[in-house]
């Protein structure tokens, strides 16, 4: 696997702490107060970054869908008007930037069109997320590549050939690839977590996981399989109006997820077999080949575990059968 990718001074890759992203997306429902509360929750939970979504409604909403009517918290309005209502502008993103700086949290966004990239460039984000729908959008991929910033590529609803084509456009030098399945919420049988290792072998760059399942277990399992970045949607309340809330984590769940990921990092170890010092007393009690005199001999080397092992080997060879 290639060297780690740097985002705002943080290295993301094997052997480094998992980079945990809380995706706020549009779960703020167009209210900056919700966004700021979610930022505070992410910071308090120990996340490394929060992520938003940025669209230019006139550019990214297909003409045939613009006038379709739907029920929303703002009443019965067109789909285009709904998209306008949930978008943040410069003032809101300035408030987001100020809050994140105050709390020591990174923030960035996934852009759904080139106009949004131009907008985000004025805010100097540390990186960009490439959402799964953009895997087959060469114009947007090329524009994001030309920013020169680190990129995080999600791979939902994409074939391996489509991913290869996208990676050929953006390159691997500053790329983290995220395995994901774009179903909200995603059933366990469609998570296919072993794709994390497939992507590692195929592209040789850091690989993460963007989860849309309910619950926490699969995300922690992704870390065990080698994910170096984890992203989950967060919400104030899963019952809130909006398409992403049902597959999101509430504040209490986010705190648990971060805790479980950090425990898993410690539990994975280095893959080298060790006899830990904490095992020596158990060894003395349970191994029949260690005679009672071991206590005296071992006490002479209490601070030297390697010498203790040598003594045990000698004692074992001296023990009559």
Protein backbone atom coordinates (compact mmCIF):
# COMPACT_ATOMS: atom_id res chain seq x y z
CA UNK A 1 0.00 0.00 0.00
CA UNK A 2 1.21 3.52 -0.83
CA UNK A 3 2.16 6.16 1.69
CA UNK A 4 -0.52 7.82 3.77
CA UNK A 5 -2.53 10.81 2.58
CA UNK A 6 -2.27 14.09 4.46
CA UNK A 7 -5.30 16.21 5.31
CA UNK A 8 -4.59 19.46 7.17
CA UNK A 9 -1.49 17.99 8.80
CA UNK A 10 -3.17 14.69 9.69
CA UNK A 11 -1.80 11.56 8.06
CA UNK A 12 -4.36 8.96 7.05
CA UNK A 13 -3.14 5.46 6.36
CA UNK A 14 -2.14 2.10 7.86
CA UNK A 15 -0.57 2.25 11.30
CA UNK A 16 -2.12 5.64 12.06
CA UNK A 17 -5.24 6.48 14.07
CA UNK A 18 -8.48 5.97 12.16
CA UNK A 19 -9.75 9.28 10.79
CA UNK A 20 -13.38 9.57 11.93
CA UNK A 21 -15.74 11.75 9.90
CA UNK A 22 -19.23 12.68 11.10
CA UNK A 23 -21.29 13.44 8.03
CA UNK A 24 -23.84 16.14 8.73
CA UNK A 25 -24.67 16.31 5.03
CA UNK A 26 -28.07 17.97 4.77
CA UNK A 27 -29.30 16.60 8.10
CA UNK A 28 -29.31 20.18 9.34
CA UNK A 29 -32.51 20.58 7.25
CA UNK A 30 -31.45 24.05 6.19
CA UNK A 31 -31.14 25.37 9.75
CA UNK A 32 -27.70 26.63 10.79
CA UNK A 33 -28.60 26.09 14.44
CA UNK A 34 -28.96 22.37 13.79
CA UNK A 35 -25.62 22.34 11.97
CA UNK A 36 -23.81 24.05 14.84
CA UNK A 37 -25.34 21.65 17.38
CA UNK A 38 -24.21 18.67 15.31
CA UNK A 39 -20.69 20.11 15.08
CA UNK A 40 -20.57 20.39 18.87
CA UNK A 41 -21.78 16.80 19.22
CA UNK A 42 -19.12 15.54 16.78
CA UNK A 43 -16.38 17.39 18.63
CA UNK A 44 -17.54 16.17 22.03
CA UNK A 45 -17.65 12.59 20.74
CA UNK A 46 -14.03 12.72 19.57
CA UNK A 47 -14.51 12.88 15.80
CA UNK A 48 -11.77 14.31 13.59
CA UNK A 49 -13.96 16.09 11.06
CA UNK A 50 -17.49 16.90 9.96
CA UNK A 51 -18.68 16.80 6.37
CA UNK A 52 -21.41 18.69 4.52
CA UNK A 53 -22.96 18.50 1.05
CA UNK A 54 -22.96 21.44 -1.35
CA UNK A 55 -25.16 21.79 -4.43
CA UNK A 56 -26.07 24.49 -6.88
CA UNK A 57 -29.78 23.56 -7.28
CA UNK A 58 -30.12 25.09 -10.75
CA UNK A 59 -27.15 23.03 -11.95
CA UNK A 60 -27.74 19.65 -10.35
CA UNK A 61 -31.54 19.23 -10.32
CA UNK A 62 -32.68 17.68 -13.63
CA UNK A 63 -35.14 19.80 -15.56
CA UNK A 64 -37.82 17.10 -15.47
CA UNK A 65 -37.70 17.00 -11.65
CA UNK A 66 -37.68 20.72 -10.91
CA UNK A 67 -41.45 21.21 -10.83
CA UNK A 68 -42.33 17.98 -9.05
CA UNK A 69 -44.21 18.82 -5.89
CA UNK A 70 -43.52 17.29 -2.48
CA UNK A 71 -44.44 17.69 1.17
CA UNK A 72 -41.69 19.37 3.19
CA UNK A 73 -41.32 21.17 6.52
CA UNK A 74 -41.80 24.37 4.48
CA UNK A 75 -45.10 23.18 3.01
CA UNK A 76 -46.05 21.66 -0.34
CA UNK A 77 -43.33 23.00 -2.64
CA UNK A 78 -41.44 22.03 -5.80
CA UNK A 79 -38.36 19.84 -5.63
CA UNK A 80 -36.22 22.72 -6.91
CA UNK A 81 -37.49 25.03 -4.17
CA UNK A 82 -36.86 22.30 -1.56
CA UNK A 83 -33.25 22.04 -2.76
CA UNK A 84 -32.85 25.76 -2.41
CA UNK A 85 -34.20 25.70 1.16
CA UNK A 86 -31.66 23.13 2.41
CA UNK A 87 -28.61 24.84 0.88
CA UNK A 88 -26.19 26.93 2.93
CA UNK A 89 -24.49 30.00 1.54
CA UNK A 90 -21.35 31.93 2.43
CA UNK A 91 -22.68 33.29 5.74
CA UNK A 92 -23.67 29.85 7.02
CA UNK A 93 -20.39 28.24 5.97
CA UNK A 94 -18.47 31.07 7.60
CA UNK A 95 -20.30 30.29 10.86
CA UNK A 96 -19.49 26.61 10.38
CA UNK A 97 -15.82 27.42 9.81
CA UNK A 98 -15.70 29.59 12.93
CA UNK A 99 -17.35 26.92 15.10
CA UNK A 100 -15.05 24.17 13.84
CA UNK A 101 -11.94 26.26 14.42
CA UNK A 102 -13.15 27.01 17.95
CA UNK A 103 -13.57 23.28 18.66
CA UNK A 104 -10.47 22.05 16.82
CA UNK A 105 -12.48 20.14 14.24
CA UNK A 106 -11.86 19.91 10.50
CA UNK A 107 -14.72 20.40 8.06
CA UNK A 108 -15.16 19.82 4.34
CA UNK A 109 -17.89 19.01 1.84
CA UNK A 110 -18.90 16.86 -1.08
CA UNK A 111 -19.69 19.00 -4.11
CA UNK A 112 -22.37 17.91 -6.56
CA UNK A 113 -21.43 20.24 -9.42
CA UNK A 114 -18.52 22.38 -10.59
CA UNK A 115 -20.24 25.59 -9.45
CA UNK A 116 -20.17 24.24 -5.90
CA UNK A 117 -16.47 23.47 -6.22
CA UNK A 118 -15.84 27.09 -7.22
CA UNK A 119 -17.84 28.22 -4.19
CA UNK A 120 -16.00 25.91 -1.80
CA UNK A 121 -12.61 26.96 -3.12
CA UNK A 122 -13.25 30.44 -1.68
CA UNK A 123 -13.44 28.80 1.77
CA UNK A 124 -10.13 26.89 1.42
CA UNK A 125 -11.27 23.43 2.56
CA UNK A 126 -8.59 20.88 3.55
CA UNK A 127 -9.98 18.24 1.17
CA UNK A 128 -13.02 17.20 -0.82
CA UNK A 129 -15.29 14.18 -0.59
CA UNK A 130 -16.35 12.74 -3.95
CA UNK A 131 -19.83 11.30 -3.49
CA UNK A 132 -20.74 8.01 -5.13
CA UNK A 133 -22.97 9.63 -7.76
CA UNK A 134 -19.93 11.49 -9.11
CA UNK A 135 -17.91 8.35 -9.87
CA UNK A 136 -19.22 8.50 -13.44
CA UNK A 137 -18.99 12.32 -13.80
CA UNK A 138 -15.62 12.97 -15.51
CA UNK A 139 -16.13 16.74 -15.65
CA UNK A 140 -16.63 17.03 -11.90
CA UNK A 141 -13.82 14.55 -11.19
CA UNK A 142 -11.40 16.53 -13.32
CA UNK A 143 -12.34 19.81 -11.64
CA UNK A 144 -11.83 18.31 -8.19
CA UNK A 145 -8.48 16.87 -9.25
CA UNK A 146 -7.35 20.31 -10.45
CA UNK A 147 -7.90 21.80 -6.98
CA UNK A 148 -4.75 19.96 -5.89
CA UNK A 149 -6.41 19.00 -2.62
CA UNK A 150 -6.66 15.55 -1.06
CA UNK A 151 -9.73 13.63 -2.21
CA UNK A 152 -11.91 11.00 -0.56
CA UNK A 153 -13.74 8.89 -3.16
CA UNK A 154 -16.89 6.97 -2.24
CA UNK A 155 -17.67 3.96 -4.44
CA UNK A 156 -21.35 3.15 -3.93
CA UNK A 157 -23.50 1.98 -6.86
CA UNK A 158 -20.33 1.60 -8.95
CA UNK A 159 -18.67 -1.30 -10.73
CA UNK A 160 -14.96 -1.95 -10.29
CA UNK A 161 -14.37 -0.78 -13.87
CA UNK A 162 -16.19 2.50 -13.15
CA UNK A 163 -14.04 2.98 -10.05
CA UNK A 164 -10.90 2.30 -12.11
CA UNK A 165 -11.94 4.96 -14.62
CA UNK A 166 -12.58 7.51 -11.85
CA UNK A 167 -9.26 6.76 -10.17
CA UNK A 168 -7.47 7.18 -13.49
CA UNK A 169 -8.85 10.75 -13.61
CA UNK A 170 -8.11 11.83 -10.04
CA UNK A 171 -4.91 9.80 -9.49
CA UNK A 172 -3.85 8.01 -6.31
CA UNK A 173 -1.23 10.41 -4.96
CA UNK A 174 -3.68 12.28 -2.70
CA UNK A 175 -6.54 9.78 -2.73
CA UNK A 176 -8.41 7.83 -0.05
CA UNK A 177 -10.97 5.39 -1.47
CA UNK A 178 -14.03 4.56 0.62
CA UNK A 179 -15.98 1.35 0.23
CA UNK A 180 -19.70 1.99 0.51
CA UNK A 181 -23.11 0.69 -0.53
CA UNK A 182 -25.58 3.43 -1.46
CA UNK A 183 -28.69 2.08 0.23
CA UNK A 184 -30.28 4.06 3.08
CA UNK A 185 -30.34 2.19 5.41
CA UNK A 186 -28.26 -0.67 4.05
CA UNK A 187 -29.06 -4.26 5.12
CA UNK A 188 -26.07 -6.22 6.51
CA UNK A 189 -26.14 -8.71 3.62
CA UNK A 190 -25.31 -5.89 1.18
CA UNK A 191 -22.47 -4.24 3.13
CA UNK A 192 -19.81 -6.54 1.60
CA UNK A 193 -17.06 -5.36 3.96
CA UNK A 194 -14.47 -7.63 2.35
CA UNK A 195 -14.41 -5.11 -0.51
CA UNK A 196 -12.15 -3.02 1.74
CA UNK A 197 -9.34 -5.49 1.16
CA UNK A 198 -10.23 -5.85 -2.52
CA UNK A 199 -9.85 -2.08 -2.99
CA UNK A 200 -6.56 -2.11 -1.07
CA UNK A 201 -5.14 -4.76 -3.40
CA UNK A 202 -6.52 -3.14 -6.55
CA UNK A 203 -5.44 0.45 -6.02
CA UNK A 204 -2.68 0.38 -3.40
CA UNK A 205 -3.88 3.54 -1.66
CA UNK A 206 -5.50 4.09 1.76
CA UNK A 207 -9.01 2.66 1.95
CA UNK A 208 -11.81 3.74 4.26
CA UNK A 209 -15.45 2.92 4.84
CA UNK A 210 -18.55 5.08 4.49
CA UNK A 211 -21.41 3.26 6.20
CA UNK A 212 -25.15 3.66 5.72
CA UNK A 213 -26.28 0.77 7.91
CA UNK A 214 -28.22 0.98 11.14
CA UNK A 215 -26.20 0.11 14.24
CA UNK A 216 -22.48 0.29 14.95
CA UNK A 217 -21.06 -3.23 14.64
CA UNK A 218 -20.32 -3.27 10.88
CA UNK A 219 -18.44 0.03 11.08
CA UNK A 220 -16.18 -1.30 13.83
CA UNK A 221 -15.70 -4.49 11.79
CA UNK A 222 -14.59 -2.32 8.86
CA UNK A 223 -11.76 -0.99 11.03
CA UNK A 224 -10.75 -4.58 11.85
CA UNK A 225 -10.60 -5.24 8.09
CA UNK A 226 -8.25 -2.32 7.55
CA UNK A 227 -10.37 0.80 7.03
CA UNK A 228 -8.21 3.84 7.83
CA UNK A 229 -11.05 6.36 7.56
CA UNK A 230 -14.62 5.92 8.75
CA UNK A 231 -17.59 8.08 7.85
CA UNK A 232 -21.12 7.87 9.24
CA UNK A 233 -24.10 10.20 8.89
CA UNK A 234 -25.16 11.84 12.16
CA UNK A 235 -28.47 13.38 13.20
CA UNK A 236 -30.07 15.04 16.19
CA UNK A 237 -32.99 12.62 15.92
CA UNK A 238 -33.50 9.71 13.49
CA UNK A 239 -37.22 10.56 13.39
CA UNK A 240 -36.58 13.99 11.83
CA UNK A 241 -37.89 14.76 8.34
CA UNK A 242 -35.42 14.00 5.54
CA UNK A 243 -34.06 11.13 3.47
CA UNK A 244 -30.79 10.54 5.37
CA UNK A 245 -31.92 10.59 9.00
CA UNK A 246 -33.03 6.93 9.15
CA UNK A 247 -29.52 5.73 8.27
CA UNK A 248 -27.81 8.16 10.65
CA UNK A 249 -26.41 7.88 14.17
CA UNK A 250 -27.81 9.89 17.05
CA UNK A 251 -25.49 11.61 19.57
CA UNK A 252 -25.30 8.71 22.03
CA UNK A 253 -24.51 6.25 19.25
CA UNK A 254 -21.77 8.48 17.88
CA UNK A 255 -20.02 8.60 21.24
CA UNK A 256 -20.14 4.80 21.44
CA UNK A 257 -18.88 4.38 17.88
CA UNK A 258 -15.80 6.54 18.46
CA UNK A 259 -15.08 4.69 21.69
CA UNK A 260 -15.43 1.27 20.02
CA UNK A 261 -13.18 2.28 17.11
CA UNK A 262 -10.43 3.41 19.48
CA UNK A 263 -10.73 0.15 21.45
CA UNK A 264 -10.53 -1.85 18.21
CA UNK A 265 -7.37 0.02 17.20
CA UNK A 266 -5.69 -1.05 20.43
CA UNK A 267 -7.00 -4.61 20.18
CA UNK A 268 -5.67 -5.17 16.65
CA UNK A 269 -2.03 -5.00 17.78
CA UNK A 270 0.92 -5.45 15.45
CA UNK A 271 0.47 -9.04 14.27
CA UNK A 272 3.66 -10.20 16.02
CA UNK A 273 3.25 -12.94 18.63
CA UNK A 274 4.29 -11.70 22.07
CA UNK A 275 4.39 -13.25 25.52
CA UNK A 276 3.24 -10.32 27.64
CA UNK A 277 4.59 -9.63 31.09
CA UNK A 278 1.04 -9.85 32.41
CA UNK A 279 1.04 -13.53 31.31
CA UNK A 280 4.05 -14.56 33.43
CA UNK A 281 2.16 -15.07 36.71
CA UNK A 282 -0.43 -17.12 34.83
CA UNK A 283 2.34 -19.12 33.20
CA UNK A 284 3.79 -19.90 36.62
CA UNK A 285 0.43 -21.11 37.92
CA UNK A 286 -0.77 -23.12 34.95
CA UNK A 287 2.22 -24.63 33.15
CA UNK A 288 3.03 -28.01 34.69
CA UNK A 289 6.61 -27.91 33.38
CA UNK A 290 7.49 -24.92 35.60
CA UNK A 291 8.64 -26.23 39.07
CA UNK A 292 8.08 -24.35 42.36
CA UNK A 293 11.70 -23.08 42.36
CA UNK A 294 10.74 -20.83 39.44
CA UNK A 295 9.59 -18.12 41.87
CA UNK A 296 13.11 -17.77 43.31
CA UNK A 297 14.89 -17.79 39.99
CA UNK A 298 12.44 -15.46 38.29
CA UNK A 299 12.57 -12.91 41.09
CA UNK A 300 16.21 -12.23 40.20
CA UNK A 301 15.11 -10.86 36.81
CA UNK A 302 11.76 -9.27 37.61
CA UNK A 303 12.55 -6.24 35.40
CA UNK A 304 13.84 -8.25 32.43
CA UNK A 305 11.06 -10.21 30.66
CA UNK A 306 13.44 -11.71 28.08
CA UNK A 307 15.72 -13.05 30.83
CA UNK A 308 12.65 -14.50 32.56
CA UNK A 309 11.82 -16.43 29.40
CA UNK A 310 15.42 -17.71 29.22
CA UNK A 311 15.19 -18.87 32.84
CA UNK A 312 11.92 -20.63 32.16
CA UNK A 313 13.49 -22.46 29.23
CA UNK A 314 16.45 -23.55 31.39
CA UNK A 315 14.18 -24.62 34.21
CA UNK A 316 12.05 -26.59 31.78
CA UNK A 317 15.13 -28.41 30.46
CA UNK A 318 16.24 -29.20 34.05
CA UNK A 319 12.85 -30.53 35.11
CA UNK A 320 12.91 -34.39 35.27
CA UNK A 321 10.32 -36.22 33.22
